[in-house]
Amino acid sequence: MKVLVAGGNGQLGRELVARSPEGWQVTALGSGEMDIRDREAVSRIIDELQPNLVINVAAYTAVDKAESEPDLAYALNGHGVAHLAEAAKTAAAKFIHISTDFVFDGRNYTPYRLADRPNPVSVYGASKLEGERLALAFCGSDALVLRTSWLYGAQGQNFVTTMLKLMAARDALRVVADQIGTPTWTGGLSDAIYRYAGLEVSGIQHWSDAGVASWYDFAVAIQEEALALGMLEREIPLEPICTEEYPTPARRPAYSVLDKSESWRLLGIQAPHWRVNLRKMLKELKKL
């Protein structure tokens, strides 16, 4: 199996390389090697590599900055996806595109199902929804859109690594407690992506770890697990606050838990609880 990973320098891209199945040939290209905004370059590279599978984890992920840079967000999260999907279709390659829980507005009180109507409340969410649409439009039955949430890994900048730095440097932290979702480890998501690669599945699917949390719950768990592993020297007070007390340029969904029952049925596995995977990630991070 020949695989091309677009966005190979990011935390998920590097995880996909590290966890690739034995015998698979994985080529991971960062933005400096393949700018997905450049349709001709994308077409040329995929034509040269002739992959069986194209996995797109390249994205504009600066949620707040996207409000002031909508053209760039759409260029990467929308048009760039179309370029990859079009080239993958020409090469007769399967296309797996990673999307986000932020395509939903957060008004639900139960996990979002595959049939639920997206309604993003930010430029970032809207640009990712456009990417979903274009992936399916250009690649059709050869495209799989996999939505995930609150992604973190040992390699890269994310909520976990940010919290660890702040907890080591500050005497107290205030963390939003009224936004609810599911933290998801890049290691588990990478394994799920490769499982999907072996199935004849197209359309939209959801994947995240099991369980739910607020950002405050997540921060509490990070501190407890890091202290237990000796990654922090002291415990600091964590104060739960509401969204209004921490204003940001972009709105976030108040509730964005995804229903993964269909994915777990198709793959024949159930993801571990997010705290189990957090512990795995921190042990991995400690070794780096």
C-alpha atoms as a PDB file:
ATOM      1  CA  MET A   1       0.000   0.000   0.000  1.00  0.00           C
ATOM      2  CA  LYS A   2       1.373   3.389  -1.037  1.00  0.00           C
ATOM      3  CA  VAL A   3       0.090   6.233   1.109  1.00  0.00           C
ATOM      4  CA  LEU A   4       0.471   9.997   0.767  1.00  0.00           C
ATOM      5  CA  VAL A   5      -0.133  12.056   3.905  1.00  0.00           C
ATOM      6  CA  ALA A   6      -0.805  15.738   3.222  1.00  0.00           C
ATOM      7  CA  GLY A   7       0.074  17.820   6.259  1.00  0.00           C
ATOM      8  CA  GLY A   8       2.808  15.439   7.305  1.00  0.00           C
ATOM      9  CA  ASN A   9       4.572  17.915   9.607  1.00  0.00           C
ATOM     10  CA  GLY A  10       1.603  18.349  11.942  1.00  0.00           C
ATOM     11  CA  GLN A  11       0.876  16.335  15.079  1.00  0.00           C
ATOM     12  CA  LEU A  12      -1.490  13.920  13.344  1.00  0.00           C
ATOM     13  CA  GLY A  13       0.692  13.632  10.258  1.00  0.00           C
ATOM     14  CA  ARG A  14       3.701  12.618  12.306  1.00  0.00           C
ATOM     15  CA  GLU A  15       1.594  10.139  14.256  1.00  0.00           C
ATOM     16  CA  LEU A  16       0.381   8.563  11.015  1.00  0.00           C
ATOM     17  CA  VAL A  17       3.976   8.044   9.948  1.00  0.00           C
ATOM     18  CA  ALA A  18       4.989   6.598  13.322  1.00  0.00           C
ATOM     19  CA  ARG A  19       2.030   4.191  13.468  1.00  0.00           C
ATOM     20  CA  SER A  20       1.879   3.129   9.821  1.00  0.00           C
ATOM     21  CA  PRO A  21       1.146  -0.580   9.249  1.00  0.00           C
ATOM     22  CA  GLU A  22       4.106  -2.848   8.565  1.00  0.00           C
ATOM     23  CA  GLY A  23       4.961  -3.008   4.889  1.00  0.00           C
ATOM     24  CA  TRP A  24       3.078   0.159   3.957  1.00  0.00           C
ATOM     25  CA  GLN A  25       4.996   2.863   2.134  1.00  0.00           C
ATOM     26  CA  VAL A  26       4.014   6.212   3.655  1.00  0.00           C
ATOM     27  CA  THR A  27       5.131   9.523   2.177  1.00  0.00           C
ATOM     28  CA  ALA A  28       4.341  12.479   4.426  1.00  0.00           C
ATOM     29  CA  LEU A  29       4.621  15.952   2.920  1.00  0.00           C
ATOM     30  CA  GLY A  30       4.414  19.218   4.825  1.00  0.00           C
ATOM     31  CA  SER A  31       3.310  22.558   3.413  1.00  0.00           C
ATOM     32  CA  GLY A  32       6.858  23.359   2.328  1.00  0.00           C
ATOM     33  CA  GLU A  33       6.934  20.240   0.153  1.00  0.00           C
ATOM     34  CA  MET A  34       3.337  20.332  -1.088  1.00  0.00           C
ATOM     35  CA  ASP A  35       1.233  23.459  -0.757  1.00  0.00           C
ATOM     36  CA  ILE A  36      -2.305  22.151  -1.150  1.00  0.00           C
ATOM     37  CA  ARG A  37      -3.426  25.604  -2.308  1.00  0.00           C
ATOM     38  CA  ASP A  38      -1.448  25.009  -5.498  1.00  0.00           C
ATOM     39  CA  ARG A  39      -3.665  22.828  -7.706  1.00  0.00           C
ATOM     40  CA  GLU A  40      -0.972  22.144 -10.317  1.00  0.00           C
ATOM     41  CA  ALA A  41       1.638  21.181  -7.720  1.00  0.00           C
ATOM     42  CA  VAL A  42      -0.771  18.825  -5.961  1.00  0.00           C
ATOM     43  CA  SER A  43      -1.729  17.208  -9.264  1.00  0.00           C
ATOM     44  CA  ARG A  44       1.903  16.774 -10.290  1.00  0.00           C
ATOM     45  CA  ILE A  45       3.026  15.259  -6.981  1.00  0.00           C
ATOM     46  CA  ILE A  46       0.156  12.774  -6.781  1.00  0.00           C
ATOM     47  CA  ASP A  47       0.676  11.823 -10.416  1.00  0.00           C
ATOM     48  CA  GLU A  48       4.352  11.147  -9.689  1.00  0.00           C
ATOM     49  CA  LEU A  49       3.761   9.171  -6.482  1.00  0.00           C
ATOM     50  CA  GLN A  50       0.693   7.239  -7.688  1.00  0.00           C
ATOM     51  CA  PRO A  51      -0.525   6.459  -4.155  1.00  0.00           C
ATOM     52  CA  ASN A  52      -3.311   3.992  -3.401  1.00  0.00           C
ATOM     53  CA  LEU A  53      -4.455   6.204  -0.544  1.00  0.00           C
ATOM     54  CA  VAL A  54      -4.316   9.946   0.112  1.00  0.00           C
ATOM     55  CA  ILE A  55      -4.878  11.057   3.713  1.00  0.00           C
ATOM     56  CA  ASN A  56      -5.436  14.764   4.229  1.00  0.00           C
ATOM     57  CA  VAL A  57      -4.568  16.123   7.654  1.00  0.00           C
ATOM     58  CA  ALA A  58      -3.381  19.493   6.311  1.00  0.00           C
ATOM     59  CA  ALA A  59      -5.539  22.302   7.648  1.00  0.00           C
ATOM     60  CA  TYR A  60      -5.767  25.858   8.855  1.00  0.00           C
ATOM     61  CA  THR A  61      -6.441  25.254  12.565  1.00  0.00           C
ATOM     62  CA  ALA A  62      -6.041  28.702  14.165  1.00  0.00           C
ATOM     63  CA  VAL A  63      -9.691  28.971  15.175  1.00  0.00           C
ATOM     64  CA  ASP A  64      -9.581  32.561  16.429  1.00  0.00           C
ATOM     65  CA  LYS A  65      -7.212  33.873  13.781  1.00  0.00           C
ATOM     66  CA  ALA A  66      -9.476  32.485  11.061  1.00  0.00           C
ATOM     67  CA  GLU A  67     -12.029  35.179  11.918  1.00  0.00           C
ATOM     68  CA  SER A  68      -9.628  37.787  10.541  1.00  0.00           C
ATOM     69  CA  GLU A  69      -8.128  35.540   7.832  1.00  0.00           C
ATOM     70  CA  PRO A  70     -11.165  33.887   6.216  1.00  0.00           C
ATOM     71  CA  ASP A  71      -9.620  33.780   2.736  1.00  0.00           C
ATOM     72  CA  LEU A  72      -6.612  31.823   3.995  1.00  0.00           C
ATOM     73  CA  ALA A  73      -8.806  29.497   6.068  1.00  0.00           C
ATOM     74  CA  TYR A  74     -10.985  28.683   3.042  1.00  0.00           C
ATOM     75  CA  ALA A  75      -7.941  28.357   0.763  1.00  0.00           C
ATOM     76  CA  LEU A  76      -6.538  25.596   2.963  1.00  0.00           C
ATOM     77  CA  ASN A  77      -9.650  24.001   4.452  1.00  0.00           C
ATOM     78  CA  GLY A  78     -11.784  24.294   1.339  1.00  0.00           C
ATOM     79  CA  HIS A  79     -10.039  24.770  -1.995  1.00  0.00           C
ATOM     80  CA  GLY A  80      -6.966  22.820  -0.913  1.00  0.00           C
ATOM     81  CA  VAL A  81      -9.145  19.822  -0.091  1.00  0.00           C
ATOM     82  CA  ALA A  82     -10.697  20.021  -3.547  1.00  0.00           C
ATOM     83  CA  HIS A  83      -7.246  19.968  -5.161  1.00  0.00           C
ATOM     84  CA  LEU A  84      -6.278  16.840  -3.228  1.00  0.00           C
ATOM     85  CA  ALA A  85      -9.593  15.084  -3.868  1.00  0.00           C
ATOM     86  CA  GLU A  86      -9.481  15.862  -7.573  1.00  0.00           C
ATOM     87  CA  ALA A  87      -5.916  14.561  -7.933  1.00  0.00           C
ATOM     88  CA  ALA A  88      -6.696  11.466  -5.848  1.00  0.00           C
ATOM     89  CA  LYS A  89      -9.668  10.706  -8.082  1.00  0.00           C
ATOM     90  CA  THR A  90      -7.504  11.029 -11.201  1.00  0.00           C
ATOM     91  CA  ALA A  91      -4.954   8.634  -9.663  1.00  0.00           C
ATOM     92  CA  ALA A  92      -7.737   6.174  -8.664  1.00  0.00           C
ATOM     93  CA  ALA A  93      -6.683   6.571  -5.030  1.00  0.00           C
ATOM     94  CA  LYS A  94      -8.914   6.432  -1.993  1.00  0.00           C
ATOM     95  CA  PHE A  95      -9.195   9.781  -0.212  1.00  0.00           C
ATOM     96  CA  ILE A  96      -9.558  10.156   3.567  1.00  0.00           C
ATOM     97  CA  HIS A  97     -10.130  13.692   4.793  1.00  0.00           C
ATOM     98  CA  ILE A  98     -10.051  14.661   8.479  1.00  0.00           C
ATOM     99  CA  SER A  99     -12.689  17.121   9.631  1.00  0.00           C
ATOM    100  CA  THR A 100     -13.941  18.475  12.944  1.00  0.00           C
ATOM    101  CA  ASP A 101     -16.728  18.641  15.501  1.00  0.00           C
ATOM    102  CA  PHE A 102     -16.726  22.422  14.949  1.00  0.00           C
ATOM    103  CA  VAL A 103     -18.997  21.944  11.916  1.00  0.00           C
ATOM    104  CA  PHE A 104     -21.836  21.790  14.494  1.00  0.00           C
ATOM    105  CA  ASP A 105     -23.340  24.741  16.380  1.00  0.00           C
ATOM    106  CA  GLY A 106     -23.270  23.142  19.841  1.00  0.00           C
ATOM    107  CA  ARG A 107     -26.992  23.419  20.577  1.00  0.00           C
ATOM    108  CA  ASN A 108     -27.427  19.672  21.046  1.00  0.00           C
ATOM    109  CA  TYR A 109     -27.535  18.001  24.426  1.00  0.00           C
ATOM    110  CA  THR A 110     -26.917  14.511  23.043  1.00  0.00           C
ATOM    111  CA  PRO A 111     -24.033  13.338  20.821  1.00  0.00           C
ATOM    112  CA  TYR A 112     -24.175  14.547  17.233  1.00  0.00           C
ATOM    113  CA  ARG A 113     -25.227  11.798  14.845  1.00  0.00           C
ATOM    114  CA  LEU A 114     -24.143  11.387  11.236  1.00  0.00           C
ATOM    115  CA  ALA A 115     -27.581  12.531  10.091  1.00  0.00           C
ATOM    116  CA  ASP A 116     -27.533  15.749  12.121  1.00  0.00           C
ATOM    117  CA  ARG A 117     -27.343  18.949  10.115  1.00  0.00           C
ATOM    118  CA  PRO A 118     -24.066  20.886  10.414  1.00  0.00           C
ATOM    119  CA  ASN A 119     -24.349  24.553  11.305  1.00  0.00           C
ATOM    120  CA  PRO A 120     -20.912  26.030  12.077  1.00  0.00           C
ATOM    121  CA  VAL A 121     -20.655  29.166  14.213  1.00  0.00           C
ATOM    122  CA  SER A 122     -17.110  30.192  13.227  1.00  0.00           C
ATOM    123  CA  VAL A 123     -15.105  30.799  10.067  1.00  0.00           C
ATOM    124  CA  TYR A 124     -12.949  27.812  10.948  1.00  0.00           C
ATOM    125  CA  GLY A 125     -15.980  25.523  11.256  1.00  0.00           C
ATOM    126  CA  ALA A 126     -17.522  26.864   8.055  1.00  0.00           C
ATOM    127  CA  SER A 127     -14.277  26.408   6.113  1.00  0.00           C
ATOM    128  CA  LYS A 128     -13.970  22.815   7.351  1.00  0.00           C
ATOM    129  CA  LEU A 129     -17.561  22.123   6.329  1.00  0.00           C
ATOM    130  CA  GLU A 130     -16.748  23.441   2.858  1.00  0.00           C
ATOM    131  CA  GLY A 131     -13.826  21.019   2.739  1.00  0.00           C
ATOM    132  CA  GLU A 132     -16.156  18.126   3.576  1.00  0.00           C
ATOM    133  CA  ARG A 133     -18.473  19.130   0.765  1.00  0.00           C
ATOM    134  CA  LEU A 134     -15.677  19.439  -1.778  1.00  0.00           C
ATOM    135  CA  ALA A 135     -14.036  16.146  -0.761  1.00  0.00           C
ATOM    136  CA  LEU A 136     -17.273  14.272  -1.384  1.00  0.00           C
ATOM    137  CA  ALA A 137     -18.084  16.242  -4.529  1.00  0.00           C
ATOM    138  CA  PHE A 138     -14.728  15.599  -6.214  1.00  0.00           C
ATOM    139  CA  CYS A 139     -14.019  12.067  -4.989  1.00  0.00           C
ATOM    140  CA  GLY A 140     -17.509  10.640  -4.522  1.00  0.00           C
ATOM    141  CA  SER A 141     -17.587   7.006  -3.474  1.00  0.00           C
ATOM    142  CA  ASP A 142     -13.787   6.993  -3.048  1.00  0.00           C
ATOM    143  CA  ALA A 143     -13.897   9.680  -0.328  1.00  0.00           C
ATOM    144  CA  LEU A 144     -14.246   9.268   3.416  1.00  0.00           C
ATOM    145  CA  VAL A 145     -14.678  12.312   5.647  1.00  0.00           C
ATOM    146  CA  LEU A 146     -13.752  11.496   9.234  1.00  0.00           C
ATOM    147  CA  ARG A 147     -14.793  14.045  11.848  1.00  0.00           C
ATOM    148  CA  THR A 148     -12.914  14.122  15.136  1.00  0.00           C
ATOM    149  CA  SER A 149     -12.609  16.409  18.153  1.00  0.00           C
ATOM    150  CA  TRP A 150     -10.203  18.093  20.581  1.00  0.00           C
ATOM    151  CA  LEU A 151      -7.153  16.449  19.056  1.00  0.00           C
ATOM    152  CA  TYR A 152      -3.857  16.195  20.941  1.00  0.00           C
ATOM    153  CA  GLY A 153      -0.642  14.190  20.682  1.00  0.00           C
ATOM    154  CA  ALA A 154       2.884  13.997  22.033  1.00  0.00           C
ATOM    155  CA  GLN A 155       4.218  15.601  18.869  1.00  0.00           C
ATOM    156  CA  GLY A 156       3.008  19.137  18.310  1.00  0.00           C
ATOM    157  CA  GLN A 157       1.287  22.042  20.034  1.00  0.00           C
ATOM    158  CA  ASN A 158      -2.118  21.339  21.549  1.00  0.00           C
ATOM    159  CA  PHE A 159      -4.180  21.824  24.704  1.00  0.00           C
ATOM    160  CA  VAL A 160      -2.244  19.219  26.684  1.00  0.00           C
ATOM    161  CA  THR A 161       1.216  20.562  25.929  1.00  0.00           C
ATOM    162  CA  THR A 162       0.010  24.132  26.481  1.00  0.00           C
ATOM    163  CA  MET A 163      -1.516  23.261  29.850  1.00  0.00           C
ATOM    164  CA  LEU A 164       1.666  21.508  30.987  1.00  0.00           C
ATOM    165  CA  LYS A 165       3.723  24.611  30.214  1.00  0.00           C
ATOM    166  CA  LEU A 166       1.268  26.931  31.957  1.00  0.00           C
ATOM    167  CA  MET A 167       0.949  24.669  34.989  1.00  0.00           C
ATOM    168  CA  ALA A 168       4.722  24.657  35.384  1.00  0.00           C
ATOM    169  CA  ALA A 169       4.998  28.430  35.039  1.00  0.00           C
ATOM    170  CA  ARG A 170       1.948  29.852  36.845  1.00  0.00           C
ATOM    171  CA  ASP A 171       0.494  29.745  40.337  1.00  0.00           C
ATOM    172  CA  ALA A 172      -3.132  29.279  39.201  1.00  0.00           C
ATOM    173  CA  LEU A 173      -5.161  28.844  36.013  1.00  0.00           C
ATOM    174  CA  ARG A 174      -8.714  29.661  34.962  1.00  0.00           C
ATOM    175  CA  VAL A 175     -10.212  27.185  32.468  1.00  0.00           C
ATOM    176  CA  VAL A 176     -13.523  27.233  30.589  1.00  0.00           C
ATOM    177  CA  ALA A 177     -15.969  24.721  32.071  1.00  0.00           C
ATOM    178  CA  ASP A 178     -19.105  25.161  29.940  1.00  0.00           C
ATOM    179  CA  GLN A 179     -17.824  23.854  26.600  1.00  0.00           C
ATOM    180  CA  ILE A 180     -18.287  20.102  26.392  1.00  0.00           C
ATOM    181  CA  GLY A 181     -16.626  17.689  23.970  1.00  0.00           C
ATOM    182  CA  THR A 182     -14.317  14.685  23.827  1.00  0.00           C
ATOM    183  CA  PRO A 183     -10.501  14.833  23.918  1.00  0.00           C
ATOM    184  CA  THR A 184      -9.016  12.558  21.259  1.00  0.00           C
ATOM    185  CA  TRP A 185      -5.487  11.149  21.120  1.00  0.00           C
ATOM    186  CA  THR A 186      -3.745  11.219  17.744  1.00  0.00           C
ATOM    187  CA  GLY A 187      -2.468   7.674  18.326  1.00  0.00           C
ATOM    188  CA  GLY A 188      -5.962   6.221  18.546  1.00  0.00           C
ATOM    189  CA  LEU A 189      -7.199   8.305  15.624  1.00  0.00           C
ATOM    190  CA  SER A 190      -4.256   7.197  13.461  1.00  0.00           C
ATOM    191  CA  ASP A 191      -5.029   3.545  14.137  1.00  0.00           C
ATOM    192  CA  ALA A 192      -8.682   4.164  13.242  1.00  0.00           C
ATOM    193  CA  ILE A 193      -7.704   5.874   9.975  1.00  0.00           C
ATOM    194  CA  TYR A 194      -5.617   2.882   8.915  1.00  0.00           C
ATOM    195  CA  ARG A 195      -8.462   0.514   9.824  1.00  0.00           C
ATOM    196  CA  TYR A 196     -10.805   2.568   7.661  1.00  0.00           C
ATOM    197  CA  ALA A 197      -8.301   2.394   4.813  1.00  0.00           C
ATOM    198  CA  GLY A 198      -8.951  -1.345   4.643  1.00  0.00           C
ATOM    199  CA  LEU A 199     -12.721  -0.991   4.398  1.00  0.00           C
ATOM    200  CA  GLU A 200     -15.011  -0.080   1.525  1.00  0.00           C
ATOM    201  CA  VAL A 201     -16.576   2.845   3.366  1.00  0.00           C
ATOM    202  CA  SER A 202     -17.337   6.290   1.975  1.00  0.00           C
ATOM    203  CA  GLY A 203     -19.270   9.366   3.045  1.00  0.00           C
ATOM    204  CA  ILE A 204     -19.016  10.805   6.558  1.00  0.00           C
ATOM    205  CA  GLN A 205     -18.011   9.054   9.780  1.00  0.00           C
ATOM    206  CA  HIS A 206     -17.253  10.181  13.344  1.00  0.00           C
ATOM    207  CA  TRP A 207     -14.302   9.135  15.501  1.00  0.00           C
ATOM    208  CA  SER A 208     -13.124  10.281  18.901  1.00  0.00           C
ATOM    209  CA  ASP A 209     -12.182   8.681  22.176  1.00  0.00           C
ATOM    210  CA  ALA A 210     -14.948   7.573  24.532  1.00  0.00           C
ATOM    211  CA  GLY A 211     -16.443   9.762  27.254  1.00  0.00           C
ATOM    212  CA  VAL A 212     -17.038  13.497  27.566  1.00  0.00           C
ATOM    213  CA  ALA A 213     -15.325  16.421  29.304  1.00  0.00           C
ATOM    214  CA  SER A 214     -15.221  20.163  29.603  1.00  0.00           C
ATOM    215  CA  TRP A 215     -11.945  21.964  29.007  1.00  0.00           C
ATOM    216  CA  TYR A 216     -11.793  22.356  32.800  1.00  0.00           C
ATOM    217  CA  ASP A 217     -12.265  18.594  33.317  1.00  0.00           C
ATOM    218  CA  PHE A 218      -9.560  17.984  30.745  1.00  0.00           C
ATOM    219  CA  ALA A 219      -7.165  20.368  32.504  1.00  0.00           C
ATOM    220  CA  VAL A 220      -7.825  18.743  35.897  1.00  0.00           C
ATOM    221  CA  ALA A 221      -7.038  15.324  34.428  1.00  0.00           C
ATOM    222  CA  ILE A 222      -3.875  16.608  32.754  1.00  0.00           C
ATOM    223  CA  GLN A 223      -2.571  17.977  36.050  1.00  0.00           C
ATOM    224  CA  GLU A 224      -3.449  14.828  38.016  1.00  0.00           C
ATOM    225  CA  GLU A 225      -1.888  12.462  35.488  1.00  0.00           C
ATOM    226  CA  ALA A 226       1.203  14.630  34.999  1.00  0.00           C
ATOM    227  CA  LEU A 227       1.770  14.853  38.757  1.00  0.00           C
ATOM    228  CA  ALA A 228       1.465  11.078  39.055  1.00  0.00           C
ATOM    229  CA  LEU A 229       4.108  10.662  36.341  1.00  0.00           C
ATOM    230  CA  GLY A 230       6.448  13.217  37.865  1.00  0.00           C
ATOM    231  CA  MET A 231       6.049  15.603  34.934  1.00  0.00           C
ATOM    232  CA  LEU A 232       4.972  18.473  37.205  1.00  0.00           C
ATOM    233  CA  GLU A 233       6.611  19.415  40.497  1.00  0.00           C
ATOM    234  CA  ARG A 234       3.584  20.964  42.207  1.00  0.00           C
ATOM    235  CA  GLU A 235      -0.180  21.184  42.064  1.00  0.00           C
ATOM    236  CA  ILE A 236      -1.768  24.553  41.296  1.00  0.00           C
ATOM    237  CA  PRO A 237      -5.391  25.689  41.755  1.00  0.00           C
ATOM    238  CA  LEU A 238      -7.596  25.356  38.663  1.00  0.00           C
ATOM    239  CA  GLU A 239     -10.669  27.573  38.570  1.00  0.00           C
ATOM    240  CA  PRO A 240     -13.664  26.687  36.359  1.00  0.00           C
ATOM    241  CA  ILE A 241     -15.056  29.689  34.467  1.00  0.00           C
ATOM    242  CA  CYS A 242     -17.784  30.243  31.885  1.00  0.00           C
ATOM    243  CA  THR A 243     -17.208  31.146  28.241  1.00  0.00           C
ATOM    244  CA  GLU A 244     -18.284  34.761  28.819  1.00  0.00           C
ATOM    245  CA  GLU A 245     -15.373  35.188  31.228  1.00  0.00           C
ATOM    246  CA  TYR A 246     -12.883  34.186  28.532  1.00  0.00           C
ATOM    247  CA  PRO A 247     -13.993  36.005  25.348  1.00  0.00           C
ATOM    248  CA  THR A 248     -12.395  34.954  22.058  1.00  0.00           C
ATOM    249  CA  PRO A 249     -12.775  36.239  18.477  1.00  0.00           C
ATOM    250  CA  ALA A 250     -14.373  32.942  17.362  1.00  0.00           C
ATOM    251  CA  ARG A 251     -17.425  31.309  18.878  1.00  0.00           C
ATOM    252  CA  ARG A 252     -17.060  27.691  19.995  1.00  0.00           C
ATOM    253  CA  PRO A 253     -19.853  25.106  20.154  1.00  0.00           C
ATOM    254  CA  ALA A 254     -20.999  24.677  23.742  1.00  0.00           C
ATOM    255  CA  TYR A 255     -21.542  20.962  23.140  1.00  0.00           C
ATOM    256  CA  SER A 256     -19.784  19.057  20.362  1.00  0.00           C
ATOM    257  CA  VAL A 257     -19.696  15.408  21.449  1.00  0.00           C
ATOM    258  CA  LEU A 258     -19.817  13.099  18.425  1.00  0.00           C
ATOM    259  CA  ASP A 259     -21.824   9.889  18.177  1.00  0.00           C
ATOM    260  CA  LYS A 260     -19.245   7.212  17.255  1.00  0.00           C
ATOM    261  CA  SER A 261     -21.504   4.156  17.394  1.00  0.00           C
ATOM    262  CA  GLU A 262     -21.442   3.620  13.614  1.00  0.00           C
ATOM    263  CA  SER A 263     -17.640   3.890  13.445  1.00  0.00           C
ATOM    264  CA  TRP A 264     -17.155   1.523  16.346  1.00  0.00           C
ATOM    265  CA  ARG A 265     -19.507  -0.982  14.697  1.00  0.00           C
ATOM    266  CA  LEU A 266     -17.786  -0.759  11.307  1.00  0.00           C
ATOM    267  CA  LEU A 267     -14.270  -1.036  12.720  1.00  0.00           C
ATOM    268  CA  GLY A 268     -15.120  -3.692  15.261  1.00  0.00           C
ATOM    269  CA  ILE A 269     -13.452  -1.723  18.055  1.00  0.00           C
ATOM    270  CA  GLN A 270     -14.477   0.776  20.693  1.00  0.00           C
ATOM    271  CA  ALA A 271     -12.130   3.604  21.552  1.00  0.00           C
ATOM    272  CA  PRO A 272     -10.821   3.721  25.140  1.00  0.00           C
ATOM    273  CA  HIS A 273     -12.021   6.435  27.489  1.00  0.00           C
ATOM    274  CA  TRP A 274     -10.215   9.701  26.782  1.00  0.00           C
ATOM    275  CA  ARG A 275      -8.457   9.630  30.153  1.00  0.00           C
ATOM    276  CA  VAL A 276      -6.906   6.227  29.391  1.00  0.00           C
ATOM    277  CA  ASN A 277      -5.453   7.619  26.179  1.00  0.00           C
ATOM    278  CA  LEU A 278      -4.329  10.807  27.919  1.00  0.00           C
ATOM    279  CA  ARG A 279      -2.246   8.655  30.234  1.00  0.00           C
ATOM    280  CA  LYS A 280      -0.695   6.866  27.222  1.00  0.00           C
ATOM    281  CA  MET A 281       0.123  10.159  25.558  1.00  0.00           C
ATOM    282  CA  LEU A 282       1.749  11.629  28.664  1.00  0.00           C
ATOM    283  CA  LYS A 283       3.923   8.538  29.125  1.00  0.00           C
ATOM    284  CA  GLU A 284       4.994   8.896  25.500  1.00  0.00           C
ATOM    285  CA  LEU A 285       5.661  12.623  25.927  1.00  0.00           C
ATOM    286  CA  LYS A 286       7.778  11.987  29.015  1.00  0.00           C
ATOM    287  CA  LYS A 287      10.132   9.834  26.936  1.00  0.00           C
ATOM    288  CA  LEU A 288      10.729  12.504  24.286  1.00  0.00           C
END
